[in-house]
Amino acid sequence: MTTFLLIRHCEVDANGRYIAGRAPGLHLSAAGELHARHLASRFASVKLDAVYSSPLERARETAAALAACAASGIQLEDELLEVDFGDWTGLTFDVLARDERWRRFNERRSMTRIPGGELAIETQTRAVTFLERVARQIPNGRVAVVTHGDVIRTAICFFLAVPLDMIHRFEIATGSVSVAEISADTTLVKCLNDADFEPKNWFEPSGTSASVRG
C-alpha cells in the first residue's frame, strides 16, 4: 500500500470570508505562516518518497514546509487545483447566501454545477484518478499531497463510499493531515482531519491504528 498524507493548505485571509477559488495571488496569512512553521517541525523527522502540491500559492507555501522531506522536492500538479468556483470566485458568503443556486449546491452537491465551474464529481474524479495513479507509480511509498479542503473531502467521500451530498458531514481544517493507504485492491482511511501540532507516526502498520475501510 502507498500511504498518502492529504494536507489542506494553511490559513489564508479568505477563509470564512469569501470564495478564493483559483484566483491567483492569495498567500498564507500570518496565522497560516505560523501554522506552516509548525508543520515543518512536525515533519522534521519524516522521510517521504514524493511531495505533490496544487499550483496555487497558498498550497505551494504550505508544501514548502515539507520540501526537505523528499529528495525530489515539490512537484506541482494541476489535478490538485482548488475546485473551479467559476462565477462565484471572489464572492463573499453573505452575497452567496442570497443566491438560490448556492443553496442548491450545498444541498445537492452531487448534481449541481457551479455556475461557470465544476461539478463535484469532476473534482472527485480528478483527485481520485491522481491518487490512484501515484499509488501505482510509487507502490509502498510515503507521499504527501498538499491541496484544498473540498478536493480532499471529495476523495475521502469516494474512499469511504460516502455520497457527495454528505460532503459537509466531516471537517477538513486548514493545515490538517488526513491519511489514506491505497493499493490496487483496497483503500484504508487511517486518520481524518488531524490538526494537532504534535508529531505522529502515520506509518504504523494498519492493524495497530483505528481505521475505516472504504
N, C-alpha and C. Protein backbone atom coordinates (compact mmCIF):
# COMPACT_ATOMS: atom_id res chain seq x y z
N MET A 1 0.83 -1.21 0.00
CA MET A 1 0.00 0.00 0.00
C MET A 1 0.86 1.26 0.00
N THR A 2 0.40 2.27 -0.68
CA THR A 2 1.04 3.58 -0.65
C THR A 2 0.32 4.44 0.39
N THR A 3 1.08 5.05 1.29
CA THR A 3 0.50 5.90 2.33
C THR A 3 0.51 7.35 1.87
N PHE A 4 -0.68 7.95 1.84
CA PHE A 4 -0.83 9.35 1.43
C PHE A 4 -1.16 10.20 2.65
N LEU A 5 -0.40 11.28 2.82
CA LEU A 5 -0.72 12.31 3.79
C LEU A 5 -1.41 13.43 3.02
N LEU A 6 -2.72 13.55 3.20
CA LEU A 6 -3.53 14.54 2.48
C LEU A 6 -3.62 15.79 3.35
N ILE A 7 -2.96 16.85 2.92
CA ILE A 7 -2.79 18.04 3.75
C ILE A 7 -3.50 19.22 3.11
N ARG A 8 -4.42 19.82 3.86
CA ARG A 8 -5.03 21.05 3.38
C ARG A 8 -4.07 22.21 3.65
N HIS A 9 -3.97 23.12 2.71
CA HIS A 9 -3.11 24.29 2.89
C HIS A 9 -3.45 25.02 4.18
N CYS A 10 -2.49 25.76 4.70
CA CYS A 10 -2.70 26.53 5.93
C CYS A 10 -3.55 27.77 5.65
N GLU A 11 -3.86 28.48 6.70
CA GLU A 11 -4.88 29.53 6.65
C GLU A 11 -4.51 30.70 5.74
N VAL A 12 -5.54 31.22 5.06
CA VAL A 12 -5.43 32.47 4.29
C VAL A 12 -6.52 33.41 4.77
N ASP A 13 -6.39 34.69 4.45
CA ASP A 13 -7.37 35.67 4.93
C ASP A 13 -8.77 35.43 4.37
N ALA A 14 -8.85 34.74 3.24
CA ALA A 14 -10.15 34.49 2.61
C ALA A 14 -10.99 33.48 3.39
N ASN A 15 -10.35 32.62 4.16
CA ASN A 15 -11.08 31.54 4.84
C ASN A 15 -12.24 32.09 5.67
N GLY A 16 -13.45 31.59 5.39
CA GLY A 16 -14.63 32.01 6.11
C GLY A 16 -15.19 33.35 5.69
N ARG A 17 -14.55 34.01 4.73
CA ARG A 17 -15.00 35.35 4.30
C ARG A 17 -15.53 35.35 2.87
N TYR A 18 -14.77 34.77 1.96
CA TYR A 18 -15.20 34.76 0.56
C TYR A 18 -14.61 33.56 -0.16
N ILE A 19 -15.09 33.31 -1.37
CA ILE A 19 -14.64 32.18 -2.17
C ILE A 19 -13.36 32.57 -2.90
N ALA A 20 -12.25 31.98 -2.50
CA ALA A 20 -10.98 32.29 -3.16
C ALA A 20 -10.87 31.59 -4.50
N GLY A 21 -11.36 30.35 -4.55
CA GLY A 21 -11.30 29.59 -5.79
C GLY A 21 -9.89 29.48 -6.33
N ARG A 22 -9.78 29.69 -7.64
CA ARG A 22 -8.48 29.57 -8.30
C ARG A 22 -7.84 30.93 -8.57
N ALA A 23 -8.35 31.97 -7.94
CA ALA A 23 -7.78 33.30 -8.15
C ALA A 23 -6.32 33.31 -7.72
N PRO A 24 -5.44 33.88 -8.54
CA PRO A 24 -4.02 33.92 -8.19
C PRO A 24 -3.72 34.99 -7.15
N GLY A 25 -2.54 34.86 -6.55
CA GLY A 25 -2.04 35.92 -5.68
C GLY A 25 -2.50 35.86 -4.24
N LEU A 26 -3.12 34.75 -3.84
CA LEU A 26 -3.60 34.62 -2.45
C LEU A 26 -2.58 33.85 -1.64
N HIS A 27 -1.97 34.54 -0.68
CA HIS A 27 -0.88 33.95 0.11
C HIS A 27 -1.34 33.62 1.52
N LEU A 28 -0.54 32.84 2.23
CA LEU A 28 -0.86 32.49 3.60
C LEU A 28 -0.93 33.75 4.46
N SER A 29 -1.87 33.75 5.40
CA SER A 29 -1.95 34.83 6.37
C SER A 29 -0.83 34.67 7.40
N ALA A 30 -0.71 35.62 8.32
CA ALA A 30 0.29 35.50 9.38
C ALA A 30 0.05 34.23 10.19
N ALA A 31 -1.21 33.95 10.50
CA ALA A 31 -1.54 32.71 11.23
C ALA A 31 -1.20 31.48 10.39
N GLY A 32 -1.44 31.57 9.07
CA GLY A 32 -1.11 30.46 8.19
C GLY A 32 0.39 30.21 8.11
N GLU A 33 1.17 31.28 8.08
CA GLU A 33 2.62 31.13 8.05
C GLU A 33 3.13 30.48 9.33
N LEU A 34 2.54 30.86 10.47
CA LEU A 34 2.91 30.25 11.74
C LEU A 34 2.57 28.76 11.74
N HIS A 35 1.38 28.42 11.24
CA HIS A 35 0.97 27.02 11.18
C HIS A 35 1.90 26.23 10.26
N ALA A 36 2.32 26.84 9.15
CA ALA A 36 3.25 26.16 8.24
C ALA A 36 4.57 25.87 8.93
N ARG A 37 5.03 26.78 9.78
CA ARG A 37 6.26 26.53 10.52
C ARG A 37 6.07 25.37 11.50
N HIS A 38 4.88 25.28 12.10
CA HIS A 38 4.59 24.13 12.96
C HIS A 38 4.60 22.84 12.14
N LEU A 39 4.05 22.90 10.93
CA LEU A 39 4.08 21.71 10.07
C LEU A 39 5.51 21.29 9.78
N ALA A 40 6.38 22.27 9.51
CA ALA A 40 7.78 21.95 9.23
C ALA A 40 8.41 21.22 10.40
N SER A 41 8.11 21.68 11.63
CA SER A 41 8.63 21.00 12.82
C SER A 41 8.04 19.61 12.96
N ARG A 42 6.75 19.50 12.65
CA ARG A 42 6.05 18.22 12.80
C ARG A 42 6.60 17.18 11.83
N PHE A 43 7.03 17.62 10.66
CA PHE A 43 7.53 16.71 9.64
C PHE A 43 9.05 16.59 9.62
N ALA A 44 9.72 17.19 10.60
CA ALA A 44 11.17 17.27 10.56
C ALA A 44 11.84 15.91 10.43
N SER A 45 11.27 14.88 11.04
CA SER A 45 11.89 13.55 11.00
C SER A 45 11.23 12.59 10.02
N VAL A 46 10.31 13.11 9.19
CA VAL A 46 9.57 12.27 8.26
C VAL A 46 10.29 12.22 6.91
N LYS A 47 10.49 11.02 6.39
CA LYS A 47 11.09 10.85 5.08
C LYS A 47 10.00 10.43 4.09
N LEU A 48 9.87 11.18 3.00
CA LEU A 48 8.82 10.94 2.02
C LEU A 48 9.42 10.59 0.67
N ASP A 49 8.69 9.79 -0.08
CA ASP A 49 9.12 9.45 -1.43
C ASP A 49 8.75 10.54 -2.43
N ALA A 50 7.74 11.35 -2.11
CA ALA A 50 7.34 12.43 -3.00
C ALA A 50 6.46 13.42 -2.25
N VAL A 51 6.51 14.68 -2.68
CA VAL A 51 5.61 15.72 -2.19
C VAL A 51 4.97 16.38 -3.41
N TYR A 52 3.65 16.31 -3.49
CA TYR A 52 2.90 16.93 -4.58
C TYR A 52 2.08 18.08 -4.03
N SER A 53 1.87 19.11 -4.86
CA SER A 53 1.13 20.28 -4.41
C SER A 53 0.27 20.84 -5.53
N SER A 54 -0.86 21.40 -5.14
CA SER A 54 -1.61 22.28 -6.04
C SER A 54 -0.71 23.44 -6.45
N PRO A 55 -0.85 23.95 -7.67
CA PRO A 55 -0.01 25.08 -8.10
C PRO A 55 -0.34 26.42 -7.44
N LEU A 56 -1.48 26.54 -6.76
CA LEU A 56 -1.86 27.83 -6.18
C LEU A 56 -0.92 28.20 -5.03
N GLU A 57 -0.72 29.50 -4.86
CA GLU A 57 0.31 29.99 -3.93
C GLU A 57 0.13 29.46 -2.52
N ARG A 58 -1.11 29.44 -2.02
CA ARG A 58 -1.33 29.03 -0.63
C ARG A 58 -0.95 27.57 -0.40
N ALA A 59 -1.13 26.74 -1.42
CA ALA A 59 -0.72 25.34 -1.30
C ALA A 59 0.80 25.21 -1.42
N ARG A 60 1.39 25.93 -2.37
CA ARG A 60 2.84 25.85 -2.55
C ARG A 60 3.57 26.32 -1.30
N GLU A 61 3.06 27.39 -0.68
CA GLU A 61 3.71 27.92 0.52
C GLU A 61 3.58 26.94 1.69
N THR A 62 2.48 26.22 1.75
CA THR A 62 2.34 25.18 2.77
C THR A 62 3.26 24.01 2.46
N ALA A 63 3.30 23.60 1.20
CA ALA A 63 4.14 22.47 0.81
C ALA A 63 5.62 22.75 1.05
N ALA A 64 6.01 24.02 1.02
CA ALA A 64 7.41 24.37 1.24
C ALA A 64 7.90 23.87 2.60
N ALA A 65 6.97 23.73 3.55
CA ALA A 65 7.34 23.21 4.87
C ALA A 65 7.83 21.77 4.80
N LEU A 66 7.48 21.07 3.71
CA LEU A 66 7.83 19.65 3.57
C LEU A 66 8.96 19.44 2.57
N ALA A 67 9.50 20.51 2.02
CA ALA A 67 10.46 20.38 0.93
C ALA A 67 11.67 19.54 1.30
N ALA A 68 12.09 19.61 2.56
CA ALA A 68 13.27 18.86 2.98
C ALA A 68 12.98 17.37 3.20
N CYS A 69 11.71 16.99 3.13
CA CYS A 69 11.34 15.61 3.44
C CYS A 69 11.52 14.66 2.26
N ALA A 70 11.62 15.20 1.05
CA ALA A 70 11.72 14.35 -0.14
C ALA A 70 12.82 14.87 -1.05
N ALA A 71 13.65 13.97 -1.53
CA ALA A 71 14.78 14.36 -2.38
C ALA A 71 14.32 15.01 -3.67
N SER A 72 13.14 14.65 -4.14
CA SER A 72 12.64 15.18 -5.42
C SER A 72 12.03 16.57 -5.28
N GLY A 73 11.96 17.11 -4.05
CA GLY A 73 11.37 18.42 -3.85
C GLY A 73 9.87 18.39 -4.04
N ILE A 74 9.28 19.55 -4.39
CA ILE A 74 7.83 19.68 -4.53
C ILE A 74 7.45 19.62 -6.01
N GLN A 75 6.51 18.76 -6.33
CA GLN A 75 6.03 18.62 -7.70
C GLN A 75 4.62 19.21 -7.79
N LEU A 76 4.43 20.16 -8.70
CA LEU A 76 3.14 20.84 -8.85
C LEU A 76 2.26 20.07 -9.82
N GLU A 77 0.99 19.89 -9.45
CA GLU A 77 0.07 19.09 -10.25
C GLU A 77 -1.26 19.82 -10.41
N ASP A 78 -1.68 20.06 -11.65
CA ASP A 78 -2.95 20.74 -11.90
C ASP A 78 -4.15 19.95 -11.38
N GLU A 79 -4.04 18.63 -11.30
CA GLU A 79 -5.15 17.81 -10.81
C GLU A 79 -5.48 18.11 -9.35
N LEU A 80 -4.55 18.78 -8.66
CA LEU A 80 -4.76 19.11 -7.25
C LEU A 80 -5.26 20.53 -7.05
N LEU A 81 -5.58 21.23 -8.14
CA LEU A 81 -6.10 22.59 -8.03
C LEU A 81 -7.39 22.64 -7.21
N GLU A 82 -7.64 23.81 -6.65
CA GLU A 82 -8.90 24.07 -5.95
C GLU A 82 -10.07 23.80 -6.90
N VAL A 83 -11.23 23.56 -6.31
CA VAL A 83 -12.47 23.48 -7.09
C VAL A 83 -12.57 24.72 -7.99
N ASP A 84 -13.01 24.51 -9.21
CA ASP A 84 -13.27 25.64 -10.10
C ASP A 84 -14.61 26.26 -9.71
N PHE A 85 -14.57 27.37 -8.98
CA PHE A 85 -15.78 28.02 -8.49
C PHE A 85 -16.38 29.00 -9.50
N GLY A 86 -15.83 29.06 -10.69
CA GLY A 86 -16.46 29.81 -11.77
C GLY A 86 -16.91 31.21 -11.38
N ASP A 87 -18.21 31.48 -11.61
CA ASP A 87 -18.77 32.82 -11.38
C ASP A 87 -18.81 33.20 -9.90
N TRP A 88 -18.65 32.23 -9.02
CA TRP A 88 -18.69 32.53 -7.58
C TRP A 88 -17.34 32.96 -7.02
N THR A 89 -16.29 32.86 -7.81
CA THR A 89 -14.96 33.22 -7.33
C THR A 89 -14.94 34.69 -6.89
N GLY A 90 -14.48 34.93 -5.68
CA GLY A 90 -14.37 36.28 -5.14
C GLY A 90 -15.59 36.78 -4.40
N LEU A 91 -16.72 36.05 -4.47
CA LEU A 91 -17.93 36.49 -3.78
C LEU A 91 -17.87 36.15 -2.29
N THR A 92 -18.42 37.05 -1.48
CA THR A 92 -18.47 36.79 -0.04
C THR A 92 -19.60 35.79 0.25
N PHE A 93 -19.53 35.17 1.41
CA PHE A 93 -20.56 34.21 1.79
C PHE A 93 -21.88 34.91 2.08
N ASP A 94 -21.84 36.18 2.48
CA ASP A 94 -23.08 36.93 2.67
C ASP A 94 -23.82 37.09 1.34
N VAL A 95 -23.09 37.38 0.29
CA VAL A 95 -23.69 37.50 -1.03
C VAL A 95 -24.21 36.15 -1.51
N LEU A 96 -23.42 35.11 -1.33
CA LEU A 96 -23.82 33.77 -1.78
C LEU A 96 -25.06 33.27 -1.05
N ALA A 97 -25.22 33.68 0.20
CA ALA A 97 -26.38 33.22 0.98
C ALA A 97 -27.69 33.67 0.36
N ARG A 98 -27.65 34.70 -0.48
CA ARG A 98 -28.87 35.21 -1.13
C ARG A 98 -29.08 34.59 -2.52
N ASP A 99 -28.21 33.66 -2.89
CA ASP A 99 -28.28 33.03 -4.21
C ASP A 99 -28.87 31.63 -4.07
N GLU A 100 -30.02 31.41 -4.68
CA GLU A 100 -30.69 30.12 -4.60
C GLU A 100 -29.80 28.99 -5.14
N ARG A 101 -28.96 29.30 -6.12
CA ARG A 101 -28.08 28.28 -6.67
C ARG A 101 -27.06 27.81 -5.64
N TRP A 102 -26.64 28.69 -4.75
CA TRP A 102 -25.70 28.33 -3.68
C TRP A 102 -26.36 27.36 -2.70
N ARG A 103 -27.62 27.62 -2.39
CA ARG A 103 -28.35 26.69 -1.50
C ARG A 103 -28.47 25.31 -2.15
N ARG A 104 -28.83 25.29 -3.44
CA ARG A 104 -28.95 24.00 -4.13
C ARG A 104 -27.61 23.28 -4.18
N PHE A 105 -26.54 24.03 -4.40
CA PHE A 105 -25.20 23.46 -4.47
C PHE A 105 -24.85 22.75 -3.16
N ASN A 106 -25.20 23.35 -2.04
CA ASN A 106 -24.86 22.76 -0.75
C ASN A 106 -25.81 21.64 -0.34
N GLU A 107 -27.03 21.65 -0.85
CA GLU A 107 -27.98 20.58 -0.53
C GLU A 107 -27.86 19.40 -1.48
N ARG A 108 -27.52 19.66 -2.75
CA ARG A 108 -27.45 18.61 -3.76
C ARG A 108 -26.12 18.73 -4.50
N ARG A 109 -25.04 18.58 -3.72
CA ARG A 109 -23.70 18.76 -4.28
C ARG A 109 -23.43 17.81 -5.44
N SER A 110 -24.03 16.63 -5.40
CA SER A 110 -23.74 15.61 -6.41
C SER A 110 -24.24 15.98 -7.79
N MET A 111 -25.22 16.86 -7.89
CA MET A 111 -25.84 17.11 -9.19
C MET A 111 -25.98 18.59 -9.54
N THR A 112 -25.35 19.47 -8.76
CA THR A 112 -25.48 20.91 -9.01
C THR A 112 -24.14 21.47 -9.50
N ARG A 113 -24.13 21.93 -10.73
CA ARG A 113 -22.90 22.51 -11.27
C ARG A 113 -22.75 23.96 -10.80
N ILE A 114 -21.54 24.31 -10.39
CA ILE A 114 -21.23 25.69 -10.06
C ILE A 114 -21.36 26.53 -11.34
N PRO A 115 -22.03 27.67 -11.29
CA PRO A 115 -22.16 28.50 -12.50
C PRO A 115 -20.79 28.84 -13.09
N GLY A 116 -20.55 28.36 -14.30
CA GLY A 116 -19.26 28.60 -14.94
C GLY A 116 -18.14 27.76 -14.39
N GLY A 117 -18.46 26.77 -13.53
CA GLY A 117 -17.42 25.99 -12.88
C GLY A 117 -17.65 24.49 -12.94
N GLU A 118 -17.21 23.79 -11.90
CA GLU A 118 -17.18 22.34 -11.88
C GLU A 118 -18.39 21.72 -11.22
N LEU A 119 -18.63 20.47 -11.59
CA LEU A 119 -19.45 19.56 -10.79
C LEU A 119 -18.55 18.89 -9.76
N ALA A 120 -19.11 18.55 -8.59
CA ALA A 120 -18.32 17.89 -7.55
C ALA A 120 -17.75 16.57 -8.04
N ILE A 121 -18.49 15.85 -8.88
CA ILE A 121 -17.99 14.57 -9.38
C ILE A 121 -16.75 14.77 -10.25
N GLU A 122 -16.65 15.93 -10.90
CA GLU A 122 -15.46 16.23 -11.71
C GLU A 122 -14.25 16.48 -10.80
N THR A 123 -14.47 17.20 -9.71
CA THR A 123 -13.40 17.39 -8.73
C THR A 123 -12.97 16.05 -8.17
N GLN A 124 -13.93 15.24 -7.78
CA GLN A 124 -13.65 13.93 -7.20
C GLN A 124 -12.88 13.03 -8.17
N THR A 125 -13.30 13.03 -9.42
CA THR A 125 -12.68 12.17 -10.43
C THR A 125 -11.21 12.52 -10.63
N ARG A 126 -10.90 13.82 -10.74
CA ARG A 126 -9.50 14.19 -10.97
C ARG A 126 -8.64 13.92 -9.74
N ALA A 127 -9.21 14.12 -8.55
CA ALA A 127 -8.44 13.86 -7.33
C ALA A 127 -8.16 12.37 -7.14
N VAL A 128 -9.18 11.56 -7.29
CA VAL A 128 -9.02 10.12 -7.08
C VAL A 128 -8.14 9.51 -8.18
N THR A 129 -8.33 9.95 -9.42
CA THR A 129 -7.50 9.45 -10.52
C THR A 129 -6.03 9.75 -10.26
N PHE A 130 -5.74 10.95 -9.77
CA PHE A 130 -4.36 11.32 -9.44
C PHE A 130 -3.80 10.42 -8.34
N LEU A 131 -4.52 10.25 -7.25
CA LEU A 131 -4.03 9.45 -6.14
C LEU A 131 -3.81 7.99 -6.54
N GLU A 132 -4.73 7.44 -7.30
CA GLU A 132 -4.58 6.05 -7.71
C GLU A 132 -3.41 5.88 -8.68
N ARG A 133 -3.18 6.88 -9.54
CA ARG A 133 -2.03 6.81 -10.44
C ARG A 133 -0.72 6.86 -9.67
N VAL A 134 -0.62 7.75 -8.69
CA VAL A 134 0.60 7.84 -7.89
C VAL A 134 0.81 6.55 -7.10
N ALA A 135 -0.28 5.96 -6.60
CA ALA A 135 -0.16 4.70 -5.87
C ALA A 135 0.44 3.60 -6.74
N ARG A 136 0.10 3.60 -8.03
CA ARG A 136 0.69 2.62 -8.95
C ARG A 136 2.16 2.95 -9.22
N GLN A 137 2.48 4.23 -9.32
CA GLN A 137 3.84 4.64 -9.63
C GLN A 137 4.80 4.47 -8.45
N ILE A 138 4.27 4.65 -7.23
CA ILE A 138 5.11 4.57 -6.02
C ILE A 138 4.49 3.54 -5.07
N PRO A 139 4.49 2.28 -5.43
CA PRO A 139 3.89 1.27 -4.55
C PRO A 139 4.66 1.18 -3.23
N ASN A 140 3.92 1.08 -2.15
CA ASN A 140 4.50 1.00 -0.80
C ASN A 140 5.28 2.26 -0.43
N GLY A 141 4.96 3.37 -1.11
CA GLY A 141 5.66 4.61 -0.82
C GLY A 141 4.98 5.45 0.25
N ARG A 142 5.64 6.56 0.58
CA ARG A 142 5.11 7.55 1.52
C ARG A 142 5.03 8.87 0.77
N VAL A 143 3.83 9.40 0.62
CA VAL A 143 3.60 10.53 -0.27
C VAL A 143 2.77 11.59 0.44
N ALA A 144 3.22 12.84 0.37
CA ALA A 144 2.43 13.97 0.88
C ALA A 144 1.77 14.69 -0.29
N VAL A 145 0.52 15.06 -0.10
CA VAL A 145 -0.25 15.77 -1.12
C VAL A 145 -0.85 17.01 -0.46
N VAL A 146 -0.43 18.19 -0.91
CA VAL A 146 -0.92 19.44 -0.34
C VAL A 146 -1.92 20.05 -1.32
N THR A 147 -3.15 20.17 -0.88
CA THR A 147 -4.21 20.63 -1.79
C THR A 147 -5.25 21.41 -1.00
N HIS A 148 -6.52 21.33 -1.39
CA HIS A 148 -7.57 22.19 -0.87
C HIS A 148 -8.66 21.37 -0.20
N GLY A 149 -9.42 22.02 0.67
CA GLY A 149 -10.36 21.31 1.52
C GLY A 149 -11.35 20.43 0.78
N ASP A 150 -12.03 20.99 -0.23
CA ASP A 150 -13.05 20.20 -0.93
C ASP A 150 -12.44 19.15 -1.85
N VAL A 151 -11.21 19.35 -2.29
CA VAL A 151 -10.53 18.32 -3.06
C VAL A 151 -10.29 17.09 -2.17
N ILE A 152 -9.83 17.35 -0.95
CA ILE A 152 -9.62 16.24 0.00
C ILE A 152 -10.96 15.61 0.37
N ARG A 153 -11.97 16.43 0.63
CA ARG A 153 -13.28 15.89 1.02
C ARG A 153 -13.85 14.97 -0.06
N THR A 154 -13.77 15.38 -1.32
CA THR A 154 -14.35 14.54 -2.37
C THR A 154 -13.61 13.22 -2.47
N ALA A 155 -12.28 13.23 -2.31
CA ALA A 155 -11.52 11.99 -2.35
C ALA A 155 -11.90 11.08 -1.18
N ILE A 156 -12.00 11.65 0.02
CA ILE A 156 -12.39 10.86 1.19
C ILE A 156 -13.79 10.29 1.00
N CYS A 157 -14.70 11.08 0.46
CA CYS A 157 -16.06 10.56 0.18
C CYS A 157 -15.99 9.33 -0.72
N PHE A 158 -15.16 9.38 -1.74
CA PHE A 158 -15.03 8.24 -2.64
C PHE A 158 -14.50 7.02 -1.91
N PHE A 159 -13.44 7.21 -1.15
CA PHE A 159 -12.80 6.07 -0.50
C PHE A 159 -13.65 5.46 0.61
N LEU A 160 -14.54 6.25 1.21
CA LEU A 160 -15.42 5.75 2.26
C LEU A 160 -16.83 5.44 1.74
N ALA A 161 -17.02 5.58 0.42
CA ALA A 161 -18.34 5.35 -0.18
C ALA A 161 -19.41 6.23 0.45
N VAL A 162 -19.04 7.49 0.74
CA VAL A 162 -19.97 8.48 1.28
C VAL A 162 -20.51 9.31 0.12
N PRO A 163 -21.83 9.48 -0.01
CA PRO A 163 -22.37 10.28 -1.10
C PRO A 163 -21.86 11.72 -1.04
N LEU A 164 -21.63 12.30 -2.20
CA LEU A 164 -21.14 13.68 -2.25
C LEU A 164 -22.10 14.67 -1.59
N ASP A 165 -23.38 14.34 -1.53
CA ASP A 165 -24.33 15.22 -0.86
C ASP A 165 -24.07 15.31 0.64
N MET A 166 -23.27 14.39 1.18
CA MET A 166 -22.94 14.37 2.61
C MET A 166 -21.55 14.95 2.87
N ILE A 167 -21.01 15.69 1.92
CA ILE A 167 -19.61 16.11 1.98
C ILE A 167 -19.30 16.98 3.20
N HIS A 168 -20.30 17.66 3.74
CA HIS A 168 -20.05 18.52 4.91
C HIS A 168 -20.33 17.82 6.23
N ARG A 169 -20.45 16.51 6.20
CA ARG A 169 -20.63 15.77 7.45
C ARG A 169 -19.30 15.59 8.20
N PHE A 170 -18.19 15.95 7.59
CA PHE A 170 -16.90 15.89 8.29
C PHE A 170 -16.08 17.11 7.90
N GLU A 171 -15.16 17.48 8.77
CA GLU A 171 -14.37 18.69 8.60
C GLU A 171 -12.99 18.35 8.04
N ILE A 172 -12.47 19.23 7.21
CA ILE A 172 -11.07 19.21 6.80
C ILE A 172 -10.53 20.61 7.07
N ALA A 173 -9.89 20.79 8.21
CA ALA A 173 -9.45 22.12 8.65
C ALA A 173 -8.18 22.54 7.91
N THR A 174 -7.93 23.85 7.88
CA THR A 174 -6.69 24.33 7.29
C THR A 174 -5.50 23.75 8.06
N GLY A 175 -4.49 23.31 7.31
CA GLY A 175 -3.29 22.74 7.92
C GLY A 175 -3.45 21.34 8.46
N SER A 176 -4.62 20.73 8.27
CA SER A 176 -4.85 19.39 8.82
C SER A 176 -4.26 18.31 7.93
N VAL A 177 -4.03 17.14 8.55
CA VAL A 177 -3.50 15.97 7.85
C VAL A 177 -4.53 14.85 7.94
N SER A 178 -4.89 14.29 6.79
CA SER A 178 -5.70 13.08 6.73
C SER A 178 -4.86 12.01 6.04
N VAL A 179 -5.00 10.77 6.47
CA VAL A 179 -4.12 9.70 6.00
C VAL A 179 -4.94 8.60 5.35
N ALA A 180 -4.53 8.21 4.15
CA ALA A 180 -5.17 7.10 3.46
C ALA A 180 -4.10 6.19 2.88
N GLU A 181 -4.32 4.89 3.00
CA GLU A 181 -3.46 3.90 2.36
C GLU A 181 -4.20 3.36 1.14
N ILE A 182 -3.53 3.37 -0.01
CA ILE A 182 -4.18 2.98 -1.26
C ILE A 182 -3.36 1.90 -1.94
N SER A 183 -4.04 0.84 -2.35
CA SER A 183 -3.42 -0.21 -3.16
C SER A 183 -4.35 -0.53 -4.30
N ALA A 184 -3.96 -1.49 -5.14
CA ALA A 184 -4.80 -1.88 -6.26
C ALA A 184 -6.09 -2.54 -5.79
N ASP A 185 -6.09 -3.08 -4.58
CA ASP A 185 -7.23 -3.85 -4.11
C ASP A 185 -8.15 -3.13 -3.13
N THR A 186 -7.59 -2.19 -2.38
CA THR A 186 -8.40 -1.59 -1.32
C THR A 186 -7.83 -0.24 -0.91
N THR A 187 -8.62 0.49 -0.15
CA THR A 187 -8.18 1.75 0.46
C THR A 187 -8.55 1.74 1.93
N LEU A 188 -7.63 2.19 2.76
CA LEU A 188 -7.86 2.27 4.19
C LEU A 188 -7.66 3.70 4.65
N VAL A 189 -8.72 4.32 5.18
CA VAL A 189 -8.60 5.67 5.72
C VAL A 189 -8.21 5.54 7.18
N LYS A 190 -7.00 5.97 7.51
CA LYS A 190 -6.44 5.75 8.84
C LYS A 190 -6.61 6.94 9.77
N CYS A 191 -6.77 8.13 9.20
CA CYS A 191 -6.79 9.34 10.01
C CYS A 191 -7.54 10.41 9.24
N LEU A 192 -8.33 11.20 9.96
CA LEU A 192 -9.13 12.24 9.31
C LEU A 192 -8.99 13.55 10.08
N ASN A 193 -8.56 14.61 9.38
CA ASN A 193 -8.58 15.97 9.93
C ASN A 193 -7.75 16.10 11.21
N ASP A 194 -6.55 15.58 11.19
CA ASP A 194 -5.64 15.70 12.34
C ASP A 194 -4.97 17.07 12.26
N ALA A 195 -5.41 17.99 13.10
CA ALA A 195 -4.87 19.35 13.09
C ALA A 195 -3.97 19.61 14.29
N ASP A 196 -3.56 18.55 14.98
CA ASP A 196 -2.68 18.67 16.13
C ASP A 196 -1.29 19.11 15.66
N PHE A 197 -0.54 19.77 16.54
CA PHE A 197 0.81 20.18 16.19
C PHE A 197 1.85 19.14 16.59
N GLU A 198 1.44 18.09 17.29
CA GLU A 198 2.40 17.11 17.79
C GLU A 198 2.79 16.13 16.69
N PRO A 199 4.08 15.73 16.63
CA PRO A 199 4.49 14.71 15.65
C PRO A 199 3.77 13.40 15.92
N LYS A 200 3.49 12.65 14.84
CA LYS A 200 2.85 11.35 14.97
C LYS A 200 3.49 10.38 13.98
N ASN A 201 3.37 9.10 14.29
CA ASN A 201 3.82 8.08 13.35
C ASN A 201 2.64 7.66 12.49
N TRP A 202 2.50 8.29 11.32
CA TRP A 202 1.39 7.96 10.43
C TRP A 202 1.64 6.67 9.67
N PHE A 203 2.82 6.09 9.84
CA PHE A 203 3.19 4.94 9.02
C PHE A 203 3.20 3.64 9.82
N GLU A 204 2.50 3.63 10.95
CA GLU A 204 2.36 2.38 11.70
C GLU A 204 1.62 1.36 10.84
N PRO A 205 1.87 0.06 11.06
CA PRO A 205 1.08 -0.96 10.35
C PRO A 205 -0.40 -0.75 10.57
N SER A 206 -1.19 -1.03 9.54
CA SER A 206 -2.62 -0.73 9.58
C SER A 206 -3.33 -1.36 10.76
N GLY A 207 -2.89 -2.53 11.15
CA GLY A 207 -3.60 -3.23 12.21
C GLY A 207 -3.48 -2.60 13.58
N THR A 208 -2.58 -1.61 13.73
CA THR A 208 -2.35 -1.02 15.05
C THR A 208 -3.07 0.30 15.23
N SER A 209 -3.80 0.74 14.21
CA SER A 209 -4.48 2.03 14.35
C SER A 209 -5.95 1.90 14.03
N ALA A 210 -6.74 2.75 14.66
CA ALA A 210 -8.17 2.75 14.33
C ALA A 210 -8.36 3.18 12.89
N SER A 211 -9.24 2.51 12.18
CA SER A 211 -9.36 2.81 10.76
C SER A 211 -10.75 2.48 10.25
N VAL A 212 -11.07 3.03 9.11
CA VAL A 212 -12.34 2.78 8.44
C VAL A 212 -12.02 2.30 7.04
N ARG A 213 -12.56 1.19 6.63
CA ARG A 213 -12.28 0.65 5.30
C ARG A 213 -13.30 1.16 4.31
N GLY A 214 -12.82 1.70 3.17
CA GLY A 214 -13.69 2.19 2.14
C GLY A 214 -13.78 1.22 0.98
